Amino acid sequence: MTILSGQVGSFRRLVRKASVRHGLTALVAAGLVAGFATVHAEWSPMHRWNRAIGDASLVLVALSVGLGPLARLLRPAQQLLPFRRETGIHGCLLAFVHAAIILVGWVQWDLMRLFGFEWHPELLVYVMFQPGFGLANAIGIAALVLAVLLAATSSDFAMRRLGLSGWKFLQMGVLPLWWLTVAHVAYFLFMHFLSFHRETPEPNPLQFWFVGLVVLVFGLRAAAYLRTIRAKGASELSGRGRNHAPV
């Protein structure tokens, strides 16, 4: 009875800590959305909130990808490691809302428009008018499907069901998710509005911030990787020295 009571108490503490992390992450997500909405204040409401939610999702995914290598480089950052799960889950939720706004407000449930096709009233067929738009959305859909899969298995229950090795293999999909997200966002930041048949708008003010974020995540992961292999090499050399030491 005492053991069972202790297990229940431990479970409640874990749930309480996870709830606090989810609450804090939700506050950060709301702040990011509000901040990005301010940046895009002159846009139409649909595009304003669509981009603000998408940009906030990108930052949360970047945090989920970057916290691990940051913790390897800076010991105090290890306290933030538990937030990798929550930032990934909330990033997925925002990405889902972002996709819903596009589907309802931009392409208006016309899936052909989602992939760059437009109905031609004279030819009575769909014609491709923006191949880049269709490709970028296809990449975004692939990223969303992967994000949902990762978020759905981001739990201790999934870890037990899949086994530690199977769960880790699946969660490594966060790296393809990150680069798919980067490709999707890069198109809309740098290329979508460059067209010969309409006026080119002012550059998005977040372009250089986006580049800086991508470089930062890449730099963190590269630095953590180099540190890991150096530490492993030093450990192996130390082990060989002990094995060959005279007795």
Foldseek 3Di string as FASTA:
>chain_A
DVVVVVVVVVVVVVVVVVVVLLVVLVVQLVVQLVVQLVLVVPDDPLVSSLVSLLVSLLVLLLCLLQLVLVCLVDVVSVVVNVSSLNSLLVSLVSLVVSVVSCCCPPVNVPVCVQQQWDQDVVVRDTDHDDNLSNVLSVLSVVLSVLSVVLNVCSDVVNCVVLPVVRNVVSNVCSVVSSVSSLSSVCCVQPPPQDDPVDDRDDHRPCVVVSVVSVVVSVVSVVVSVVVVVVVVVVVVVVVVCVVPDDD
